[in-house]
Amino acid sequence: MIMNSILLVDDKANVRQMTREVLTAEGFNVLEAANGREALLVARNHKPDLILLDVMMPEMGGFEFLRIFRKEKDTPVILLTAKLDEVDKVLGLELGADDYVTKPFGMKELVARIHAVLRRAHGSTQASSVLSYNGLQVDLETRDVTVLGKQVSLTPSEYDLLTLLIAAPGRVHTRSSILLHLQGSTFEGLERSIDVHVRNLRAKIEPDPSNPDYIETVFGVGYRFRP
């Protein structure tokens, strides 16, 4: 039986020790990091199956880690947060977290959440790495994009925007959340620059950019991939 590896990221050593003991007893291989900066190095070198990520940490917090890491990997992430603010929870999910557990949490609840997220992740891993919709096809392994069999050349930002939208048809993404996804730690741009990216992307993939089949505008909010 293959052991799932979990990267535990928390600046408090006692929290890491207690959580590590429980997860090890549950059969997980536990890696550790004390902040987001350490976590990036560990995740890149060891490729964990899931990440438990504290939000408030020195050096680099959980949200900043997510902004950077989500450009590299789709490893499942569960946020560990003491904050009850709904805005923070939504931000974490928009940045790519799969679930969150509010501190202080029970270990049984945490283990149950881990198993649930891993089941979903394994299911998506077994599925095709090719996303397709009505003649549009995106190969997540090769990064090839084709429309009606014809290959389309996209910039990195256009590709990241397309994969963000097509991965969750019907989900509305605000301009600010898209900007965070595209720019991460270099978040300095204007939200309206997203309109430019969308216009350029539509010009490349839409049969009729003025009447788009794929990317819909949600007026006053942002964009979504047609459900």
C-alpha atoms as a PDB file:
ATOM      1  CA  MET A   1       0.000   0.000   0.000  1.00  0.00           C
ATOM      2  CA  ILE A   2       1.405   3.381  -1.011  1.00  0.00           C
ATOM      3  CA  MET A   3       1.534   5.952   1.804  1.00  0.00           C
ATOM      4  CA  ASN A   4       0.137   9.382   1.010  1.00  0.00           C
ATOM      5  CA  SER A   5       2.524  12.174   1.946  1.00  0.00           C
ATOM      6  CA  ILE A   6       1.229  15.311   3.625  1.00  0.00           C
ATOM      7  CA  LEU A   7       3.102  18.602   3.921  1.00  0.00           C
ATOM      8  CA  LEU A   8       2.174  20.271   7.223  1.00  0.00           C
ATOM      9  CA  VAL A   9       2.859  24.016   7.160  1.00  0.00           C
ATOM     10  CA  ASP A  10       2.510  25.857  10.484  1.00  0.00           C
ATOM     11  CA  ASP A  11       4.807  28.232  12.362  1.00  0.00           C
ATOM     12  CA  LYS A  12       3.968  26.688  15.756  1.00  0.00           C
ATOM     13  CA  ALA A  13       6.171  23.688  16.549  1.00  0.00           C
ATOM     14  CA  ASN A  14       3.735  22.247  19.093  1.00  0.00           C
ATOM     15  CA  VAL A  15       0.919  22.248  16.550  1.00  0.00           C
ATOM     16  CA  ARG A  16       3.136  20.503  14.015  1.00  0.00           C
ATOM     17  CA  GLN A  17       4.239  17.885  16.561  1.00  0.00           C
ATOM     18  CA  MET A  18       0.709  17.062  17.727  1.00  0.00           C
ATOM     19  CA  THR A  19      -0.681  16.929  14.197  1.00  0.00           C
ATOM     20  CA  ARG A  20       2.273  14.914  12.905  1.00  0.00           C
ATOM     21  CA  GLU A  21       1.798  12.260  15.592  1.00  0.00           C
ATOM     22  CA  VAL A  22      -1.872  11.828  14.730  1.00  0.00           C
ATOM     23  CA  LEU A  23      -1.323  11.735  10.974  1.00  0.00           C
ATOM     24  CA  THR A  24       1.595   9.323  11.274  1.00  0.00           C
ATOM     25  CA  ALA A  25      -0.596   7.011  13.346  1.00  0.00           C
ATOM     26  CA  GLU A  26      -3.173   7.228  10.534  1.00  0.00           C
ATOM     27  CA  GLY A  27      -0.575   5.956   8.068  1.00  0.00           C
ATOM     28  CA  PHE A  28       0.510   9.211   6.416  1.00  0.00           C
ATOM     29  CA  ASN A  29       4.078  10.239   5.698  1.00  0.00           C
ATOM     30  CA  VAL A  30       4.355  13.763   7.148  1.00  0.00           C
ATOM     31  CA  LEU A  31       6.655  16.510   5.878  1.00  0.00           C
ATOM     32  CA  GLU A  32       6.956  19.832   7.713  1.00  0.00           C
ATOM     33  CA  ALA A  33       7.591  23.507   7.074  1.00  0.00           C
ATOM     34  CA  ALA A  34       7.420  26.506   9.423  1.00  0.00           C
ATOM     35  CA  ASN A  35       6.305  29.100   6.852  1.00  0.00           C
ATOM     36  CA  GLY A  36       5.283  29.518   3.248  1.00  0.00           C
ATOM     37  CA  ARG A  37       8.801  30.101   2.001  1.00  0.00           C
ATOM     38  CA  GLU A  38      10.023  26.793   3.469  1.00  0.00           C
ATOM     39  CA  ALA A  39       6.886  25.101   2.203  1.00  0.00           C
ATOM     40  CA  LEU A  40       7.626  26.099  -1.395  1.00  0.00           C
ATOM     41  CA  LEU A  41      11.036  24.403  -1.206  1.00  0.00           C
ATOM     42  CA  VAL A  42       9.674  21.248   0.428  1.00  0.00           C
ATOM     43  CA  ALA A  43       6.722  20.994  -1.957  1.00  0.00           C
ATOM     44  CA  ARG A  44       8.904  21.442  -5.025  1.00  0.00           C
ATOM     45  CA  ASN A  45      11.434  18.837  -3.861  1.00  0.00           C
ATOM     46  CA  HIS A  46       9.147  16.195  -2.351  1.00  0.00           C
ATOM     47  CA  LYS A  47       5.846  16.643  -4.230  1.00  0.00           C
ATOM     48  CA  PRO A  48       3.399  15.848  -1.391  1.00  0.00           C
ATOM     49  CA  ASP A  49      -0.045  14.419  -2.085  1.00  0.00           C
ATOM     50  CA  LEU A  50      -1.761  17.063   0.076  1.00  0.00           C
ATOM     51  CA  ILE A  51      -0.817  20.240   1.929  1.00  0.00           C
ATOM     52  CA  LEU A  52      -2.160  21.387   5.301  1.00  0.00           C
ATOM     53  CA  LEU A  53      -1.548  25.120   5.256  1.00  0.00           C
ATOM     54  CA  ASP A  54      -1.746  27.606   8.115  1.00  0.00           C
ATOM     55  CA  VAL A  55      -2.824  31.082   6.997  1.00  0.00           C
ATOM     56  CA  MET A  56      -1.074  33.397   9.457  1.00  0.00           C
ATOM     57  CA  MET A  57       2.699  32.788   9.416  1.00  0.00           C
ATOM     58  CA  PRO A  58       5.890  34.878   9.397  1.00  0.00           C
ATOM     59  CA  GLU A  59       8.181  35.064   6.347  1.00  0.00           C
ATOM     60  CA  MET A  60       5.384  34.065   3.983  1.00  0.00           C
ATOM     61  CA  GLY A  61       1.743  33.455   4.905  1.00  0.00           C
ATOM     62  CA  GLY A  62      -0.620  30.860   3.527  1.00  0.00           C
ATOM     63  CA  PHE A  63      -2.347  33.090   0.988  1.00  0.00           C
ATOM     64  CA  GLU A  64       0.950  34.250  -0.495  1.00  0.00           C
ATOM     65  CA  PHE A  65       2.108  30.626  -0.691  1.00  0.00           C
ATOM     66  CA  LEU A  66      -1.082  29.704  -2.567  1.00  0.00           C
ATOM     67  CA  ARG A  67      -0.706  32.562  -5.041  1.00  0.00           C
ATOM     68  CA  ILE A  68       2.728  31.288  -6.032  1.00  0.00           C
ATOM     69  CA  PHE A  69       2.237  27.526  -5.703  1.00  0.00           C
ATOM     70  CA  ARG A  70      -1.003  27.352  -7.672  1.00  0.00           C
ATOM     71  CA  LYS A  71       0.907  28.522 -10.753  1.00  0.00           C
ATOM     72  CA  GLU A  72       3.086  25.423 -10.455  1.00  0.00           C
ATOM     73  CA  LYS A  73       0.976  22.575  -9.048  1.00  0.00           C
ATOM     74  CA  ASP A  74      -2.622  21.562  -8.408  1.00  0.00           C
ATOM     75  CA  THR A  75      -1.776  19.620  -5.236  1.00  0.00           C
ATOM     76  CA  PRO A  76      -4.803  19.597  -2.890  1.00  0.00           C
ATOM     77  CA  VAL A  77      -4.592  22.201  -0.118  1.00  0.00           C
ATOM     78  CA  ILE A  78      -6.566  22.406   3.127  1.00  0.00           C
ATOM     79  CA  LEU A  79      -6.305  25.728   4.948  1.00  0.00           C
ATOM     80  CA  LEU A  80      -5.844  25.769   8.722  1.00  0.00           C
ATOM     81  CA  THR A  81      -7.213  29.110   9.844  1.00  0.00           C
ATOM     82  CA  ALA A  82      -8.048  30.754  13.149  1.00  0.00           C
ATOM     83  CA  LYS A  83      -9.924  33.449  11.268  1.00  0.00           C
ATOM     84  CA  LEU A  84     -13.704  33.309  11.035  1.00  0.00           C
ATOM     85  CA  ASP A  85     -13.967  36.132   8.501  1.00  0.00           C
ATOM     86  CA  GLU A  86     -16.004  34.946   5.515  1.00  0.00           C
ATOM     87  CA  VAL A  87     -13.918  37.126   3.204  1.00  0.00           C
ATOM     88  CA  ASP A  88     -10.747  35.262   4.174  1.00  0.00           C
ATOM     89  CA  LYS A  89     -12.384  31.892   3.578  1.00  0.00           C
ATOM     90  CA  VAL A  90     -13.639  32.962   0.161  1.00  0.00           C
ATOM     91  CA  LEU A  91     -10.231  34.419  -0.725  1.00  0.00           C
ATOM     92  CA  GLY A  92      -8.542  31.151   0.207  1.00  0.00           C
ATOM     93  CA  LEU A  93     -10.906  29.159  -1.988  1.00  0.00           C
ATOM     94  CA  GLU A  94     -10.509  31.628  -4.853  1.00  0.00           C
ATOM     95  CA  LEU A  95      -6.733  31.266  -4.596  1.00  0.00           C
ATOM     96  CA  GLY A  96      -7.057  27.522  -5.025  1.00  0.00           C
ATOM     97  CA  ALA A  97      -7.584  25.966  -1.598  1.00  0.00           C
ATOM     98  CA  ASP A  98      -9.730  22.835  -1.694  1.00  0.00           C
ATOM     99  CA  ASP A  99     -11.112  23.062   1.842  1.00  0.00           C
ATOM    100  CA  TYR A 100     -10.518  24.767   5.176  1.00  0.00           C
ATOM    101  CA  VAL A 101     -10.595  23.777   8.841  1.00  0.00           C
ATOM    102  CA  THR A 102     -11.053  26.418  11.518  1.00  0.00           C
ATOM    103  CA  LYS A 103      -8.733  26.367  14.531  1.00  0.00           C
ATOM    104  CA  PRO A 104      -9.001  24.931  17.089  1.00  0.00           C
ATOM    105  CA  PHE A 105      -9.979  21.792  15.204  1.00  0.00           C
ATOM    106  CA  GLY A 106     -10.589  18.217  16.295  1.00  0.00           C
ATOM    107  CA  MET A 107      -8.177  15.646  14.934  1.00  0.00           C
ATOM    108  CA  LYS A 108     -10.988  13.324  13.833  1.00  0.00           C
ATOM    109  CA  GLU A 109     -12.498  16.117  11.779  1.00  0.00           C
ATOM    110  CA  LEU A 110      -9.121  16.968  10.252  1.00  0.00           C
ATOM    111  CA  VAL A 111      -8.416  13.342   9.281  1.00  0.00           C
ATOM    112  CA  ALA A 112     -11.902  13.020   7.778  1.00  0.00           C
ATOM    113  CA  ARG A 113     -11.373  16.189   5.711  1.00  0.00           C
ATOM    114  CA  ILE A 114      -8.004  14.899   4.506  1.00  0.00           C
ATOM    115  CA  HIS A 115      -9.473  11.587   3.352  1.00  0.00           C
ATOM    116  CA  ALA A 116     -12.353  13.363   1.597  1.00  0.00           C
ATOM    117  CA  VAL A 117     -10.074  15.752  -0.285  1.00  0.00           C
ATOM    118  CA  LEU A 118      -7.687  12.944  -1.270  1.00  0.00           C
ATOM    119  CA  ARG A 119     -10.598  10.898  -2.619  1.00  0.00           C
ATOM    120  CA  ARG A 120     -11.652  13.813  -4.796  1.00  0.00           C
ATOM    121  CA  ALA A 121      -8.072  14.401  -5.918  1.00  0.00           C
ATOM    122  CA  HIS A 122      -7.505  10.763  -6.832  1.00  0.00           C
ATOM    123  CA  GLY A 123     -10.717  10.750  -8.783  1.00  0.00           C
ATOM    124  CA  SER A 124      -9.635  13.787 -10.791  1.00  0.00           C
ATOM    125  CA  THR A 125      -6.176  12.297 -11.316  1.00  0.00           C
ATOM    126  CA  GLN A 126      -7.670   9.191 -12.859  1.00  0.00           C
ATOM    127  CA  ALA A 127      -9.723  11.315 -15.183  1.00  0.00           C
ATOM    128  CA  SER A 128      -8.410  12.607 -18.478  1.00  0.00           C
ATOM    129  CA  SER A 129      -5.805  15.360 -18.387  1.00  0.00           C
ATOM    130  CA  VAL A 130      -7.556  16.870 -21.409  1.00  0.00           C
ATOM    131  CA  LEU A 131     -10.323  19.414 -20.847  1.00  0.00           C
ATOM    132  CA  SER A 132     -12.684  19.832 -23.780  1.00  0.00           C
ATOM    133  CA  TYR A 133     -15.868  21.689 -24.605  1.00  0.00           C
ATOM    134  CA  ASN A 134     -17.661  22.101 -27.921  1.00  0.00           C
ATOM    135  CA  GLY A 135     -14.579  21.896 -30.154  1.00  0.00           C
ATOM    136  CA  LEU A 136     -12.189  23.568 -27.704  1.00  0.00           C
ATOM    137  CA  GLN A 137      -9.562  21.263 -26.191  1.00  0.00           C
ATOM    138  CA  VAL A 138      -6.880  21.955 -23.563  1.00  0.00           C
ATOM    139  CA  ASP A 139      -4.198  19.345 -22.813  1.00  0.00           C
ATOM    140  CA  LEU A 140      -2.994  20.052 -19.286  1.00  0.00           C
ATOM    141  CA  GLU A 141       0.132  17.934 -19.670  1.00  0.00           C
ATOM    142  CA  THR A 142       1.444  19.351 -22.946  1.00  0.00           C
ATOM    143  CA  ARG A 143      -0.282  22.764 -22.620  1.00  0.00           C
ATOM    144  CA  ASP A 144      -1.551  22.377 -26.184  1.00  0.00           C
ATOM    145  CA  VAL A 145      -4.758  24.227 -27.027  1.00  0.00           C
ATOM    146  CA  THR A 146      -6.796  23.379 -30.120  1.00  0.00           C
ATOM    147  CA  VAL A 147     -10.031  24.752 -31.548  1.00  0.00           C
ATOM    148  CA  LEU A 148     -11.833  22.443 -33.973  1.00  0.00           C
ATOM    149  CA  GLY A 149      -8.580  20.515 -34.389  1.00  0.00           C
ATOM    150  CA  LYS A 150      -6.479  23.585 -35.148  1.00  0.00           C
ATOM    151  CA  GLN A 151      -3.701  24.415 -32.691  1.00  0.00           C
ATOM    152  CA  VAL A 152      -3.827  27.861 -31.095  1.00  0.00           C
ATOM    153  CA  SER A 153      -0.811  29.680 -29.670  1.00  0.00           C
ATOM    154  CA  LEU A 154      -1.504  31.392 -26.350  1.00  0.00           C
ATOM    155  CA  THR A 155       0.664  33.516 -24.095  1.00  0.00           C
ATOM    156  CA  PRO A 156       1.265  32.122 -20.566  1.00  0.00           C
ATOM    157  CA  SER A 157      -1.299  34.551 -19.129  1.00  0.00           C
ATOM    158  CA  GLU A 158      -3.883  33.631 -21.748  1.00  0.00           C
ATOM    159  CA  TYR A 159      -3.308  29.915 -21.101  1.00  0.00           C
ATOM    160  CA  ASP A 160      -3.566  30.363 -17.321  1.00  0.00           C
ATOM    161  CA  LEU A 161      -6.750  32.374 -17.761  1.00  0.00           C
ATOM    162  CA  LEU A 162      -8.287  29.737 -20.027  1.00  0.00           C
ATOM    163  CA  THR A 163      -7.448  26.829 -17.736  1.00  0.00           C
ATOM    164  CA  LEU A 164      -8.789  28.734 -14.729  1.00  0.00           C
ATOM    165  CA  LEU A 165     -12.128  29.260 -16.450  1.00  0.00           C
ATOM    166  CA  ILE A 166     -12.557  25.928 -18.241  1.00  0.00           C
ATOM    167  CA  ALA A 167     -11.684  23.918 -15.125  1.00  0.00           C
ATOM    168  CA  ALA A 168     -14.876  25.111 -13.430  1.00  0.00           C
ATOM    169  CA  PRO A 169     -17.623  25.761 -16.004  1.00  0.00           C
ATOM    170  CA  GLY A 170     -20.321  28.048 -14.657  1.00  0.00           C
ATOM    171  CA  ARG A 171     -18.241  29.383 -11.782  1.00  0.00           C
ATOM    172  CA  VAL A 172     -18.005  33.167 -11.834  1.00  0.00           C
ATOM    173  CA  HIS A 173     -14.525  34.621 -11.312  1.00  0.00           C
ATOM    174  CA  THR A 174     -14.195  38.261 -10.328  1.00  0.00           C
ATOM    175  CA  ARG A 175     -11.616  40.398 -12.061  1.00  0.00           C
ATOM    176  CA  SER A 176      -9.641  40.742  -8.835  1.00  0.00           C
ATOM    177  CA  SER A 177      -9.500  36.977  -8.247  1.00  0.00           C
ATOM    178  CA  ILE A 178      -8.378  36.410 -11.849  1.00  0.00           C
ATOM    179  CA  LEU A 179      -5.701  39.075 -11.432  1.00  0.00           C
ATOM    180  CA  LEU A 180      -4.409  37.374  -8.284  1.00  0.00           C
ATOM    181  CA  HIS A 181      -4.354  34.036 -10.112  1.00  0.00           C
ATOM    182  CA  LEU A 182      -2.373  35.460 -13.021  1.00  0.00           C
ATOM    183  CA  GLN A 183       0.027  37.740 -11.175  1.00  0.00           C
ATOM    184  CA  GLY A 184       0.416  36.127  -7.753  1.00  0.00           C
ATOM    185  CA  SER A 185       3.096  37.786  -5.652  1.00  0.00           C
ATOM    186  CA  THR A 186       3.643  40.504  -8.298  1.00  0.00           C
ATOM    187  CA  PHE A 187       0.105  41.759  -7.772  1.00  0.00           C
ATOM    188  CA  GLU A 188       0.450  45.308  -9.071  1.00  0.00           C
ATOM    189  CA  GLY A 189      -1.852  45.412 -12.060  1.00  0.00           C
ATOM    190  CA  LEU A 190      -5.238  46.937 -12.746  1.00  0.00           C
ATOM    191  CA  GLU A 191      -8.354  44.817 -12.711  1.00  0.00           C
ATOM    192  CA  ARG A 192      -9.313  46.218 -16.104  1.00  0.00           C
ATOM    193  CA  SER A 193      -6.204  44.580 -17.576  1.00  0.00           C
ATOM    194  CA  ILE A 194      -8.168  41.332 -17.236  1.00  0.00           C
ATOM    195  CA  ASP A 195     -10.613  42.663 -19.823  1.00  0.00           C
ATOM    196  CA  VAL A 196      -7.689  42.986 -22.216  1.00  0.00           C
ATOM    197  CA  HIS A 197      -6.565  39.402 -21.557  1.00  0.00           C
ATOM    198  CA  VAL A 198     -10.108  38.152 -22.114  1.00  0.00           C
ATOM    199  CA  ARG A 199     -10.463  40.132 -25.335  1.00  0.00           C
ATOM    200  CA  ASN A 200      -7.161  38.761 -26.659  1.00  0.00           C
ATOM    201  CA  LEU A 201      -8.081  35.213 -25.648  1.00  0.00           C
ATOM    202  CA  ARG A 202     -11.495  35.449 -27.289  1.00  0.00           C
ATOM    203  CA  ALA A 203      -9.867  36.665 -30.507  1.00  0.00           C
ATOM    204  CA  LYS A 204      -7.850  33.435 -30.596  1.00  0.00           C
ATOM    205  CA  ILE A 205     -10.386  30.798 -29.525  1.00  0.00           C
ATOM    206  CA  GLU A 206     -13.867  32.125 -30.283  1.00  0.00           C
ATOM    207  CA  PRO A 207     -15.388  31.530 -33.742  1.00  0.00           C
ATOM    208  CA  ASP A 208     -17.115  34.901 -33.295  1.00  0.00           C
ATOM    209  CA  PRO A 209     -15.416  36.982 -30.557  1.00  0.00           C
ATOM    210  CA  SER A 210     -18.285  39.494 -30.547  1.00  0.00           C
ATOM    211  CA  ASN A 211     -20.717  36.677 -29.716  1.00  0.00           C
ATOM    212  CA  PRO A 212     -18.595  34.301 -27.609  1.00  0.00           C
ATOM    213  CA  ASP A 213     -19.396  30.593 -27.286  1.00  0.00           C
ATOM    214  CA  TYR A 214     -16.934  29.847 -24.499  1.00  0.00           C
ATOM    215  CA  ILE A 215     -16.162  32.784 -22.201  1.00  0.00           C
ATOM    216  CA  GLU A 216     -19.167  34.697 -20.918  1.00  0.00           C
ATOM    217  CA  THR A 217     -19.143  38.151 -19.345  1.00  0.00           C
ATOM    218  CA  VAL A 218     -20.996  38.436 -16.044  1.00  0.00           C
ATOM    219  CA  PHE A 219     -21.710  42.129 -16.092  1.00  0.00           C
ATOM    220  CA  GLY A 220     -20.500  44.065 -13.099  1.00  0.00           C
ATOM    221  CA  VAL A 221     -18.683  41.007 -11.693  1.00  0.00           C
ATOM    222  CA  GLY A 222     -16.261  39.231 -14.011  1.00  0.00           C
ATOM    223  CA  TYR A 223     -16.203  36.185 -16.276  1.00  0.00           C
ATOM    224  CA  ARG A 224     -17.097  32.520 -16.400  1.00  0.00           C
ATOM    225  CA  PHE A 225     -16.754  29.609 -18.789  1.00  0.00           C
ATOM    226  CA  ARG A 226     -20.130  28.749 -20.303  1.00  0.00           C
ATOM    227  CA  PRO A 227     -21.733  26.056 -18.090  1.00  0.00           C
END
